[in-house]
Amino acid sequence: MHLNLPEKRYYSIGELAKAFDVNASLIRFWDKEFDILKPKKNAKGNRMFTPEDVKNLQLIYHLVKERGFTLDGAKTHLKEGQKKTLDKFEIISKLEGIKAQLQQIKEGL
């Protein structure tokens, strides 16, 4: 899944909900359920997600929405092979980005 997010230090929950095309409540729920998400909170208590949190959200989205894992299954999968899973996911994400760029170039020809 390729996200159209600008390069920033922090992202609001609304920006991420729009990028992932899900409700903000789902991201809040995942934040409570998954330990790998650690967003900062500002003075108002709003969650501010770092680029690392965005990568973790992409991984959770991939496991739950695209591969059909249950929440418990996704948690277990992340705990057992977190490093391997993150490496594979990053490679797949980069390849999908390259594919999207190549398709744009093809359409431009």
PDB file of N, CA and C in Angstrom:
ATOM      1  N   MET A   1       0.840  -1.170   0.000  1.00  0.00           N
ATOM      2  CA  MET A   1       0.000   0.000   0.000  1.00  0.00           C
ATOM      3  C   MET A   1       0.885   1.233   0.000  1.00  0.00           C
ATOM      4  N   HIS A   2       0.681   2.086  -0.953  1.00  0.00           N
ATOM      5  CA  HIS A   2       1.457   3.320  -1.066  1.00  0.00           C
ATOM      6  C   HIS A   2       0.626   4.475  -0.528  1.00  0.00           C
ATOM      7  N   LEU A   3       1.195   5.215   0.407  1.00  0.00           N
ATOM      8  CA  LEU A   3       0.491   6.344   1.016  1.00  0.00           C
ATOM      9  C   LEU A   3       0.985   7.648   0.415  1.00  0.00           C
ATOM     10  N   ASN A   4       0.055   8.552   0.194  1.00  0.00           N
ATOM     11  CA  ASN A   4       0.420   9.878  -0.292  1.00  0.00           C
ATOM     12  C   ASN A   4       0.463  10.834   0.887  1.00  0.00           C
ATOM     13  N   LEU A   5       1.569  10.764   1.621  1.00  0.00           N
ATOM     14  CA  LEU A   5       1.755  11.644   2.763  1.00  0.00           C
ATOM     15  C   LEU A   5       2.985  12.509   2.521  1.00  0.00           C
ATOM     16  N   PRO A   6       2.905  13.788   2.863  1.00  0.00           N
ATOM     17  CA  PRO A   6       4.097  14.637   2.732  1.00  0.00           C
ATOM     18  C   PRO A   6       5.134  14.252   3.786  1.00  0.00           C
ATOM     19  N   GLU A   7       6.383  14.600   3.527  1.00  0.00           N
ATOM     20  CA  GLU A   7       7.448  14.340   4.496  1.00  0.00           C
ATOM     21  C   GLU A   7       7.277  15.309   5.659  1.00  0.00           C
ATOM     22  N   LYS A   8       6.939  14.775   6.816  1.00  0.00           N
ATOM     23  CA  LYS A   8       6.755  15.593   8.012  1.00  0.00           C
ATOM     24  C   LYS A   8       7.333  14.859   9.208  1.00  0.00           C
ATOM     25  N   ARG A   9       7.470  15.592  10.285  1.00  0.00           N
ATOM     26  CA  ARG A   9       7.953  14.989  11.518  1.00  0.00           C
ATOM     27  C   ARG A   9       6.832  14.274  12.257  1.00  0.00           C
ATOM     28  N   TYR A  10       5.645  14.864  12.230  1.00  0.00           N
ATOM     29  CA  TYR A  10       4.495  14.294  12.917  1.00  0.00           C
ATOM     30  C   TYR A  10       3.262  14.387  12.026  1.00  0.00           C
ATOM     31  N   TYR A  11       2.406  13.369  12.144  1.00  0.00           N
ATOM     32  CA  TYR A  11       1.154  13.326  11.394  1.00  0.00           C
ATOM     33  C   TYR A  11      -0.003  13.248  12.378  1.00  0.00           C
ATOM     34  N   SER A  12      -1.072  13.943  12.061  1.00  0.00           N
ATOM     35  CA  SER A  12      -2.255  13.869  12.922  1.00  0.00           C
ATOM     36  C   SER A  12      -3.026  12.597  12.595  1.00  0.00           C
ATOM     37  N   ILE A  13      -3.909  12.240  13.496  1.00  0.00           N
ATOM     38  CA  ILE A  13      -4.701  11.031  13.292  1.00  0.00           C
ATOM     39  C   ILE A  13      -5.646  11.200  12.095  1.00  0.00           C
ATOM     40  N   GLY A  14      -6.100  12.422  11.859  1.00  0.00           N
ATOM     41  CA  GLY A  14      -6.963  12.701  10.717  1.00  0.00           C
ATOM     42  C   GLY A  14      -6.251  12.501   9.394  1.00  0.00           C
ATOM     43  N   GLU A  15      -4.997  12.950   9.321  1.00  0.00           N
ATOM     44  CA  GLU A  15      -4.205  12.768   8.099  1.00  0.00           C
ATOM     45  C   GLU A  15      -4.008  11.286   7.803  1.00  0.00           C
ATOM     46  N   LEU A  16      -3.723  10.524   8.845  1.00  0.00           N
ATOM     47  CA  LEU A  16      -3.495   9.091   8.647  1.00  0.00           C
ATOM     48  C   LEU A  16      -4.779   8.366   8.291  1.00  0.00           C
ATOM     49  N   ALA A  17      -5.881   8.751   8.921  1.00  0.00           N
ATOM     50  CA  ALA A  17      -7.160   8.115   8.609  1.00  0.00           C
ATOM     51  C   ALA A  17      -7.509   8.346   7.143  1.00  0.00           C
ATOM     52  N   LYS A  18      -7.260   9.547   6.657  1.00  0.00           N
ATOM     53  CA  LYS A  18      -7.536   9.857   5.256  1.00  0.00           C
ATOM     54  C   LYS A  18      -6.603   9.075   4.330  1.00  0.00           C
ATOM     55  N   ALA A  19      -5.321   8.997   4.686  1.00  0.00           N
ATOM     56  CA  ALA A  19      -4.349   8.287   3.853  1.00  0.00           C
ATOM     57  C   ALA A  19      -4.650   6.787   3.783  1.00  0.00           C
ATOM     58  N   PHE A  20      -5.053   6.197   4.916  1.00  0.00           N
ATOM     59  CA  PHE A  20      -5.360   4.771   4.953  1.00  0.00           C
ATOM     60  C   PHE A  20      -6.800   4.469   4.531  1.00  0.00           C
ATOM     61  N   ASP A  21      -7.615   5.517   4.382  1.00  0.00           N
ATOM     62  CA  ASP A  21      -9.028   5.384   4.019  1.00  0.00           C
ATOM     63  C   ASP A  21      -9.784   4.544   5.057  1.00  0.00           C
ATOM     64  N   VAL A  22      -9.558   4.886   6.328  1.00  0.00           N
ATOM     65  CA  VAL A  22     -10.262   4.248   7.444  1.00  0.00           C
ATOM     66  C   VAL A  22     -10.732   5.350   8.394  1.00  0.00           C
ATOM     67  N   ASN A  23     -11.542   4.976   9.361  1.00  0.00           N
ATOM     68  CA  ASN A  23     -11.984   5.934  10.369  1.00  0.00           C
ATOM     69  C   ASN A  23     -10.866   6.200  11.367  1.00  0.00           C
ATOM     70  N   ALA A  24     -10.863   7.399  11.921  1.00  0.00           N
ATOM     71  CA  ALA A  24      -9.868   7.744  12.946  1.00  0.00           C
ATOM     72  C   ALA A  24     -10.033   6.846  14.164  1.00  0.00           C
ATOM     73  N   SER A  25     -11.255   6.403  14.427  1.00  0.00           N
ATOM     74  CA  SER A  25     -11.493   5.540  15.584  1.00  0.00           C
ATOM     75  C   SER A  25     -10.752   4.207  15.439  1.00  0.00           C
ATOM     76  N   LEU A  26     -10.601   3.714  14.213  1.00  0.00           N
ATOM     77  CA  LEU A  26      -9.870   2.471  13.996  1.00  0.00           C
ATOM     78  C   LEU A  26      -8.386   2.656  14.341  1.00  0.00           C
ATOM     79  N   ILE A  27      -7.832   3.788  13.957  1.00  0.00           N
ATOM     80  CA  ILE A  27      -6.429   4.045  14.276  1.00  0.00           C
ATOM     81  C   ILE A  27      -6.255   4.209  15.784  1.00  0.00           C
ATOM     82  N   ARG A  28      -7.203   4.881  16.440  1.00  0.00           N
ATOM     83  CA  ARG A  28      -7.152   4.988  17.904  1.00  0.00           C
ATOM     84  C   ARG A  28      -7.218   3.609  18.544  1.00  0.00           C
ATOM     85  N   PHE A  29      -8.082   2.744  18.017  1.00  0.00           N
ATOM     86  CA  PHE A  29      -8.217   1.386  18.539  1.00  0.00           C
ATOM     87  C   PHE A  29      -6.919   0.612  18.371  1.00  0.00           C
ATOM     88  N   TRP A  30      -6.326   0.698  17.172  1.00  0.00           N
ATOM     89  CA  TRP A  30      -5.065   0.004  16.932  1.00  0.00           C
ATOM     90  C   TRP A  30      -3.978   0.539  17.850  1.00  0.00           C
ATOM     91  N   ASP A  31      -4.011   1.834  18.131  1.00  0.00           N
ATOM     92  CA  ASP A  31      -3.026   2.428  19.030  1.00  0.00           C
ATOM     93  C   ASP A  31      -3.116   1.800  20.416  1.00  0.00           C
ATOM     94  N   LYS A  32      -4.316   1.540  20.867  1.00  0.00           N
ATOM     95  CA  LYS A  32      -4.507   0.912  22.182  1.00  0.00           C
ATOM     96  C   LYS A  32      -4.123  -0.565  22.165  1.00  0.00           C
ATOM     97  N   GLU A  33      -4.359  -1.225  21.059  1.00  0.00           N
ATOM     98  CA  GLU A  33      -4.163  -2.672  20.965  1.00  0.00           C
ATOM     99  C   GLU A  33      -2.718  -3.095  20.693  1.00  0.00           C
ATOM    100  N   PHE A  34      -2.008  -2.337  19.898  1.00  0.00           N
ATOM    101  CA  PHE A  34      -0.670  -2.737  19.470  1.00  0.00           C
ATOM    102  C   PHE A  34       0.390  -1.922  20.187  1.00  0.00           C
ATOM    103  N   ASP A  35       1.334  -2.637  20.812  1.00  0.00           N
ATOM    104  CA  ASP A  35       2.393  -1.991  21.587  1.00  0.00           C
ATOM    105  C   ASP A  35       3.431  -1.301  20.716  1.00  0.00           C
ATOM    106  N   ILE A  36       3.531  -1.683  19.450  1.00  0.00           N
ATOM    107  CA  ILE A  36       4.560  -1.079  18.603  1.00  0.00           C
ATOM    108  C   ILE A  36       4.211   0.351  18.208  1.00  0.00           C
ATOM    109  N   LEU A  37       2.961   0.748  18.374  1.00  0.00           N
ATOM    110  CA  LEU A  37       2.559   2.127  18.094  1.00  0.00           C
ATOM    111  C   LEU A  37       2.758   2.963  19.355  1.00  0.00           C
ATOM    112  N   LYS A  38       3.530   4.013  19.213  1.00  0.00           N
ATOM    113  CA  LYS A  38       3.804   4.878  20.360  1.00  0.00           C
ATOM    114  C   LYS A  38       3.706   6.345  19.933  1.00  0.00           C
ATOM    115  N   PRO A  39       2.504   6.816  19.592  1.00  0.00           N
ATOM    116  CA  PRO A  39       2.405   8.214  19.171  1.00  0.00           C
ATOM    117  C   PRO A  39       2.609   9.159  20.356  1.00  0.00           C
ATOM    118  N   LYS A  40       3.156  10.319  20.051  1.00  0.00           N
ATOM    119  CA  LYS A  40       3.295  11.355  21.065  1.00  0.00           C
ATOM    120  C   LYS A  40       1.943  12.037  21.218  1.00  0.00           C
ATOM    121  N   LYS A  41       1.731  12.646  22.359  1.00  0.00           N
ATOM    122  CA  LYS A  41       0.500  13.409  22.564  1.00  0.00           C
ATOM    123  C   LYS A  41       0.878  14.856  22.838  1.00  0.00           C
ATOM    124  N   ASN A  42       0.166  15.773  22.183  1.00  0.00           N
ATOM    125  CA  ASN A  42       0.453  17.181  22.409  1.00  0.00           C
ATOM    126  C   ASN A  42      -0.285  17.665  23.656  1.00  0.00           C
ATOM    127  N   ALA A  43      -0.237  18.967  23.927  1.00  0.00           N
ATOM    128  CA  ALA A  43      -0.833  19.528  25.144  1.00  0.00           C
ATOM    129  C   ALA A  43      -2.342  19.272  25.218  1.00  0.00           C
ATOM    130  N   LYS A  44      -2.985  19.218  24.063  1.00  0.00           N
ATOM    131  CA  LYS A  44      -4.431  18.956  24.031  1.00  0.00           C
ATOM    132  C   LYS A  44      -4.756  17.479  24.180  1.00  0.00           C
ATOM    133  N   GLY A  45      -3.758  16.627  24.070  1.00  0.00           N
ATOM    134  CA  GLY A  45      -3.985  15.189  24.157  1.00  0.00           C
ATOM    135  C   GLY A  45      -4.174  14.529  22.805  1.00  0.00           C
ATOM    136  N   ASN A  46      -3.971  15.273  21.724  1.00  0.00           N
ATOM    137  CA  ASN A  46      -4.096  14.706  20.382  1.00  0.00           C
ATOM    138  C   ASN A  46      -2.881  13.857  20.060  1.00  0.00           C
ATOM    139  N   ARG A  47      -3.117  12.733  19.414  1.00  0.00           N
ATOM    140  CA  ARG A  47      -2.031  11.840  19.034  1.00  0.00           C
ATOM    141  C   ARG A  47      -1.296  12.414  17.825  1.00  0.00           C
ATOM    142  N   MET A  48       0.025  12.399  17.912  1.00  0.00           N
ATOM    143  CA  MET A  48       0.861  12.848  16.811  1.00  0.00           C
ATOM    144  C   MET A  48       1.794  11.687  16.457  1.00  0.00           C
ATOM    145  N   PHE A  49       1.630  11.146  15.258  1.00  0.00           N
ATOM    146  CA  PHE A  49       2.339   9.951  14.832  1.00  0.00           C
ATOM    147  C   PHE A  49       3.624  10.307  14.087  1.00  0.00           C
ATOM    148  N   THR A  50       4.702   9.610  14.410  1.00  0.00           N
ATOM    149  CA  THR A  50       5.984   9.802  13.744  1.00  0.00           C
ATOM    150  C   THR A  50       6.012   8.954  12.468  1.00  0.00           C
ATOM    151  N   PRO A  51       6.978   9.201  11.583  1.00  0.00           N
ATOM    152  CA  PRO A  51       7.108   8.338  10.390  1.00  0.00           C
ATOM    153  C   PRO A  51       7.303   6.861  10.750  1.00  0.00           C
ATOM    154  N   GLU A  52       7.960   6.581  11.873  1.00  0.00           N
ATOM    155  CA  GLU A  52       8.122   5.195  12.327  1.00  0.00           C
ATOM    156  C   GLU A  52       6.764   4.589  12.681  1.00  0.00           C
ATOM    157  N   ASP A  53       5.907   5.378  13.329  1.00  0.00           N
ATOM    158  CA  ASP A  53       4.554   4.917  13.640  1.00  0.00           C
ATOM    159  C   ASP A  53       3.764   4.656  12.365  1.00  0.00           C
ATOM    160  N   VAL A  54       3.986   5.490  11.349  1.00  0.00           N
ATOM    161  CA  VAL A  54       3.283   5.306  10.073  1.00  0.00           C
ATOM    162  C   VAL A  54       3.697   3.975   9.442  1.00  0.00           C
ATOM    163  N   LYS A  55       4.993   3.644   9.501  1.00  0.00           N
ATOM    164  CA  LYS A  55       5.458   2.349   8.970  1.00  0.00           C
ATOM    165  C   LYS A  55       4.799   1.195   9.724  1.00  0.00           C
ATOM    166  N   ASN A  56       4.726   1.334  11.040  1.00  0.00           N
ATOM    167  CA  ASN A  56       4.088   0.288  11.838  1.00  0.00           C
ATOM    168  C   ASN A  56       2.599   0.193  11.534  1.00  0.00           C
ATOM    169  N   LEU A  57       1.949   1.331  11.327  1.00  0.00           N
ATOM    170  CA  LEU A  57       0.531   1.314  10.951  1.00  0.00           C
ATOM    171  C   LEU A  57       0.339   0.631   9.600  1.00  0.00           C
ATOM    172  N   GLN A  58       1.253   0.886   8.667  1.00  0.00           N
ATOM    173  CA  GLN A  58       1.162   0.223   7.367  1.00  0.00           C
ATOM    174  C   GLN A  58       1.274  -1.290   7.527  1.00  0.00           C
ATOM    175  N   LEU A  59       2.161  -1.719   8.396  1.00  0.00           N
ATOM    176  CA  LEU A  59       2.331  -3.151   8.641  1.00  0.00           C
ATOM    177  C   LEU A  59       1.075  -3.742   9.272  1.00  0.00           C
ATOM    178  N   ILE A  60       0.522  -3.063  10.254  1.00  0.00           N
ATOM    179  CA  ILE A  60      -0.709  -3.539  10.898  1.00  0.00           C
ATOM    180  C   ILE A  60      -1.844  -3.581   9.884  1.00  0.00           C
ATOM    181  N   TYR A  61      -1.967  -2.530   9.071  1.00  0.00           N
ATOM    182  CA  TYR A  61      -3.011  -2.487   8.050  1.00  0.00           C
ATOM    183  C   TYR A  61      -2.845  -3.661   7.089  1.00  0.00           C
ATOM    184  N   HIS A  62      -1.607  -3.909   6.676  1.00  0.00           N
ATOM    185  CA  HIS A  62      -1.338  -5.014   5.754  1.00  0.00           C
ATOM    186  C   HIS A  62      -1.753  -6.353   6.362  1.00  0.00           C
ATOM    187  N   LEU A  63      -1.377  -6.576   7.617  1.00  0.00           N
ATOM    188  CA  LEU A  63      -1.701  -7.850   8.258  1.00  0.00           C
ATOM    189  C   LEU A  63      -3.200  -8.017   8.465  1.00  0.00           C
ATOM    190  N   VAL A  64      -3.856  -6.979   8.963  1.00  0.00           N
ATOM    191  CA  VAL A  64      -5.264  -7.097   9.345  1.00  0.00           C
ATOM    192  C   VAL A  64      -6.197  -6.961   8.141  1.00  0.00           C
ATOM    193  N   LYS A  65      -5.986  -5.943   7.342  1.00  0.00           N
ATOM    194  CA  LYS A  65      -6.928  -5.658   6.247  1.00  0.00           C
ATOM    195  C   LYS A  65      -6.623  -6.424   4.963  1.00  0.00           C
ATOM    196  N   GLU A  66      -5.344  -6.558   4.631  1.00  0.00           N
ATOM    197  CA  GLU A  66      -5.008  -7.179   3.356  1.00  0.00           C
ATOM    198  C   GLU A  66      -4.799  -8.684   3.461  1.00  0.00           C
ATOM    199  N   ARG A  67      -4.183  -9.131   4.563  1.00  0.00           N
ATOM    200  CA  ARG A  67      -3.921 -10.563   4.698  1.00  0.00           C
ATOM    201  C   ARG A  67      -4.976 -11.274   5.532  1.00  0.00           C
ATOM    202  N   GLY A  68      -5.849 -10.522   6.202  1.00  0.00           N
ATOM    203  CA  GLY A  68      -6.965 -11.128   6.915  1.00  0.00           C
ATOM    204  C   GLY A  68      -6.630 -11.690   8.287  1.00  0.00           C
ATOM    205  N   PHE A  69      -5.569 -11.219   8.915  1.00  0.00           N
ATOM    206  CA  PHE A  69      -5.230 -11.675  10.255  1.00  0.00           C
ATOM    207  C   PHE A  69      -6.257 -11.146  11.260  1.00  0.00           C
ATOM    208  N   THR A  70      -6.496 -11.910  12.318  1.00  0.00           N
ATOM    209  CA  THR A  70      -7.256 -11.372  13.443  1.00  0.00           C
ATOM    210  C   THR A  70      -6.308 -10.468  14.232  1.00  0.00           C
ATOM    211  N   LEU A  71      -6.855  -9.678  15.142  1.00  0.00           N
ATOM    212  CA  LEU A  71      -5.993  -8.798  15.935  1.00  0.00           C
ATOM    213  C   LEU A  71      -5.004  -9.604  16.764  1.00  0.00           C
ATOM    214  N   ASP A  72      -5.491 -10.674  17.387  1.00  0.00           N
ATOM    215  CA  ASP A  72      -4.595 -11.515  18.176  1.00  0.00           C
ATOM    216  C   ASP A  72      -3.536 -12.173  17.299  1.00  0.00           C
ATOM    217  N   GLY A  73      -3.939 -12.609  16.127  1.00  0.00           N
ATOM    218  CA  GLY A  73      -2.994 -13.214  15.200  1.00  0.00           C
ATOM    219  C   GLY A  73      -1.942 -12.223  14.733  1.00  0.00           C
ATOM    220  N   ALA A  74      -2.362 -10.996  14.466  1.00  0.00           N
ATOM    221  CA  ALA A  74      -1.420  -9.961  14.049  1.00  0.00           C
ATOM    222  C   ALA A  74      -0.446  -9.625  15.179  1.00  0.00           C
ATOM    223  N   LYS A  75      -0.961  -9.545  16.402  1.00  0.00           N
ATOM    224  CA  LYS A  75      -0.092  -9.267  17.558  1.00  0.00           C
ATOM    225  C   LYS A  75       0.953 -10.363  17.705  1.00  0.00           C
ATOM    226  N   THR A  76       0.513 -11.607  17.620  1.00  0.00           N
ATOM    227  CA  THR A  76       1.424 -12.745  17.745  1.00  0.00           C
ATOM    228  C   THR A  76       2.460 -12.727  16.632  1.00  0.00           C
ATOM    229  N   HIS A  77       2.013 -12.476  15.425  1.00  0.00           N
ATOM    230  CA  HIS A  77       2.903 -12.435  14.271  1.00  0.00           C
ATOM    231  C   HIS A  77       3.965 -11.354  14.450  1.00  0.00           C
ATOM    232  N   LEU A  78       3.564 -10.212  14.942  1.00  0.00           N
ATOM    233  CA  LEU A  78       4.507  -9.110  15.150  1.00  0.00           C
ATOM    234  C   LEU A  78       5.509  -9.425  16.255  1.00  0.00           C
ATOM    235  N   LYS A  79       5.051 -10.082  17.317  1.00  0.00           N
ATOM    236  CA  LYS A  79       5.945 -10.395  18.428  1.00  0.00           C
ATOM    237  C   LYS A  79       6.946 -11.480  18.058  1.00  0.00           C
ATOM    238  N   GLU A  80       6.496 -12.487  17.316  1.00  0.00           N
ATOM    239  CA  GLU A  80       7.366 -13.622  16.990  1.00  0.00           C
ATOM    240  C   GLU A  80       8.455 -13.256  16.002  1.00  0.00           C
ATOM    241  N   GLY A  81       8.087 -12.624  14.932  1.00  0.00           N
ATOM    242  CA  GLY A  81       9.081 -12.349  13.895  1.00  0.00           C
ATOM    243  C   GLY A  81       9.087 -10.907  13.482  1.00  0.00           C
ATOM    244  N   GLN A  82       9.133 -10.004  14.438  1.00  0.00           N
ATOM    245  CA  GLN A  82       8.996  -8.587  14.139  1.00  0.00           C
ATOM    246  C   GLN A  82      10.074  -8.097  13.173  1.00  0.00           C
ATOM    247  N   LYS A  83      11.305  -8.455  13.390  1.00  0.00           N
ATOM    248  CA  LYS A  83      12.379  -7.954  12.531  1.00  0.00           C
ATOM    249  C   LYS A  83      12.234  -8.492  11.110  1.00  0.00           C
ATOM    250  N   LYS A  84      11.989  -9.798  10.978  1.00  0.00           N
ATOM    251  CA  LYS A  84      11.830 -10.393   9.652  1.00  0.00           C
ATOM    252  C   LYS A  84      10.619  -9.803   8.938  1.00  0.00           C
ATOM    253  N   THR A  85       9.514  -9.664   9.667  1.00  0.00           N
ATOM    254  CA  THR A  85       8.283  -9.148   9.086  1.00  0.00           C
ATOM    255  C   THR A  85       8.473  -7.718   8.612  1.00  0.00           C
ATOM    256  N   LEU A  86       9.135  -6.898   9.424  1.00  0.00           N
ATOM    257  CA  LEU A  86       9.369  -5.507   9.044  1.00  0.00           C
ATOM    258  C   LEU A  86      10.259  -5.422   7.810  1.00  0.00           C
ATOM    259  N   ASP A  87      11.301  -6.247   7.738  1.00  0.00           N
ATOM    260  CA  ASP A  87      12.190  -6.228   6.585  1.00  0.00           C
ATOM    261  C   ASP A  87      11.449  -6.607   5.308  1.00  0.00           C
ATOM    262  N   LYS A  88      10.661  -7.683   5.368  1.00  0.00           N
ATOM    263  CA  LYS A  88       9.892  -8.112   4.198  1.00  0.00           C
ATOM    264  C   LYS A  88       8.893  -7.042   3.792  1.00  0.00           C
ATOM    265  N   PHE A  89       8.220  -6.464   4.778  1.00  0.00           N
ATOM    266  CA  PHE A  89       7.207  -5.456   4.478  1.00  0.00           C
ATOM    267  C   PHE A  89       7.838  -4.226   3.848  1.00  0.00           C
ATOM    268  N   GLU A  90       8.999  -3.812   4.334  1.00  0.00           N
ATOM    269  CA  GLU A  90       9.675  -2.651   3.759  1.00  0.00           C
ATOM    270  C   GLU A  90      10.083  -2.921   2.309  1.00  0.00           C
ATOM    271  N   ILE A  91      10.561  -4.118   2.041  1.00  0.00           N
ATOM    272  CA  ILE A  91      10.949  -4.476   0.675  1.00  0.00           C
ATOM    273  C   ILE A  91       9.723  -4.456  -0.235  1.00  0.00           C
ATOM    274  N   ILE A  92       8.631  -5.039   0.221  1.00  0.00           N
ATOM    275  CA  ILE A  92       7.403  -5.072  -0.575  1.00  0.00           C
ATOM    276  C   ILE A  92       6.893  -3.655  -0.811  1.00  0.00           C
ATOM    277  N   SER A  93       6.937  -2.812   0.215  1.00  0.00           N
ATOM    278  CA  SER A  93       6.474  -1.428   0.076  1.00  0.00           C
ATOM    279  C   SER A  93       7.311  -0.666  -0.946  1.00  0.00           C
ATOM    280  N   LYS A  94       8.622  -0.850  -0.900  1.00  0.00           N
ATOM    281  CA  LYS A  94       9.496  -0.171  -1.858  1.00  0.00           C
ATOM    282  C   LYS A  94       9.209  -0.639  -3.274  1.00  0.00           C
ATOM    283  N   LEU A  95       9.017  -1.941  -3.441  1.00  0.00           N
ATOM    284  CA  LEU A  95       8.721  -2.472  -4.774  1.00  0.00           C
ATOM    285  C   LEU A  95       7.385  -1.965  -5.294  1.00  0.00           C
ATOM    286  N   GLU A  96       6.387  -1.853  -4.413  1.00  0.00           N
ATOM    287  CA  GLU A  96       5.091  -1.318  -4.834  1.00  0.00           C
ATOM    288  C   GLU A  96       5.221   0.146  -5.245  1.00  0.00           C
ATOM    289  N   GLY A  97       6.053   0.895  -4.539  1.00  0.00           N
ATOM    290  CA  GLY A  97       6.298   2.293  -4.912  1.00  0.00           C
ATOM    291  C   GLY A  97       6.960   2.402  -6.272  1.00  0.00           C
ATOM    292  N   ILE A  98       7.930   1.538  -6.527  1.00  0.00           N
ATOM    293  CA  ILE A  98       8.608   1.521  -7.824  1.00  0.00           C
ATOM    294  C   ILE A  98       7.620   1.155  -8.923  1.00  0.00           C
ATOM    295  N   LYS A  99       6.768   0.183  -8.644  1.00  0.00           N
ATOM    296  CA  LYS A  99       5.760  -0.237  -9.626  1.00  0.00           C
ATOM    297  C   LYS A  99       4.822   0.920  -9.956  1.00  0.00           C
ATOM    298  N   ALA A 100       4.403   1.654  -8.937  1.00  0.00           N
ATOM    299  CA  ALA A 100       3.500   2.793  -9.147  1.00  0.00           C
ATOM    300  C   ALA A 100       4.186   3.862 -10.002  1.00  0.00           C
ATOM    301  N   GLN A 101       5.476   4.123  -9.737  1.00  0.00           N
ATOM    302  CA  GLN A 101       6.217   5.100 -10.525  1.00  0.00           C
ATOM    303  C   GLN A 101       6.342   4.655 -11.977  1.00  0.00           C
ATOM    304  N   LEU A 102       6.624   3.376 -12.179  1.00  0.00           N
ATOM    305  CA  LEU A 102       6.754   2.857 -13.540  1.00  0.00           C
ATOM    306  C   LEU A 102       5.428   2.938 -14.298  1.00  0.00           C
ATOM    307  N   GLN A 103       4.327   2.691 -13.593  1.00  0.00           N
ATOM    308  CA  GLN A 103       3.017   2.787 -14.238  1.00  0.00           C
ATOM    309  C   GLN A 103       2.706   4.233 -14.628  1.00  0.00           C
ATOM    310  N   GLN A 104       3.130   5.189 -13.792  1.00  0.00           N
ATOM    311  CA  GLN A 104       2.928   6.596 -14.140  1.00  0.00           C
ATOM    312  C   GLN A 104       3.753   6.973 -15.368  1.00  0.00           C
ATOM    313  N   ILE A 105       4.974   6.472 -15.434  1.00  0.00           N
ATOM    314  CA  ILE A 105       5.826   6.742 -16.590  1.00  0.00           C
ATOM    315  C   ILE A 105       5.210   6.134 -17.836  1.00  0.00           C
ATOM    316  N   LYS A 106       4.687   4.911 -17.715  1.00  0.00           N
ATOM    317  CA  LYS A 106       4.072   4.247 -18.868  1.00  0.00           C
ATOM    318  C   LYS A 106       2.875   5.023 -19.367  1.00  0.00           C
ATOM    319  N   GLU A 107       2.055   5.525 -18.437  1.00  0.00           N
ATOM    320  CA  GLU A 107       0.867   6.295 -18.818  1.00  0.00           C
ATOM    321  C   GLU A 107       1.262   7.610 -19.486  1.00  0.00           C
ATOM    322  N   GLY A 108       2.416   8.146 -19.103  1.00  0.00           N
ATOM    323  CA  GLY A 108       2.874   9.399 -19.677  1.00  0.00           C
ATOM    324  C   GLY A 108       3.428   9.266 -21.086  1.00  0.00           C
ATOM    325  N   LEU A 109       3.735   8.048 -21.494  1.00  0.00           N
ATOM    326  CA  LEU A 109       4.292   7.843 -22.839  1.00  0.00           C
ATOM    327  C   LEU A 109       3.244   7.888 -23.910  1.00  0.00           C
TER     328      LEU A 109
END
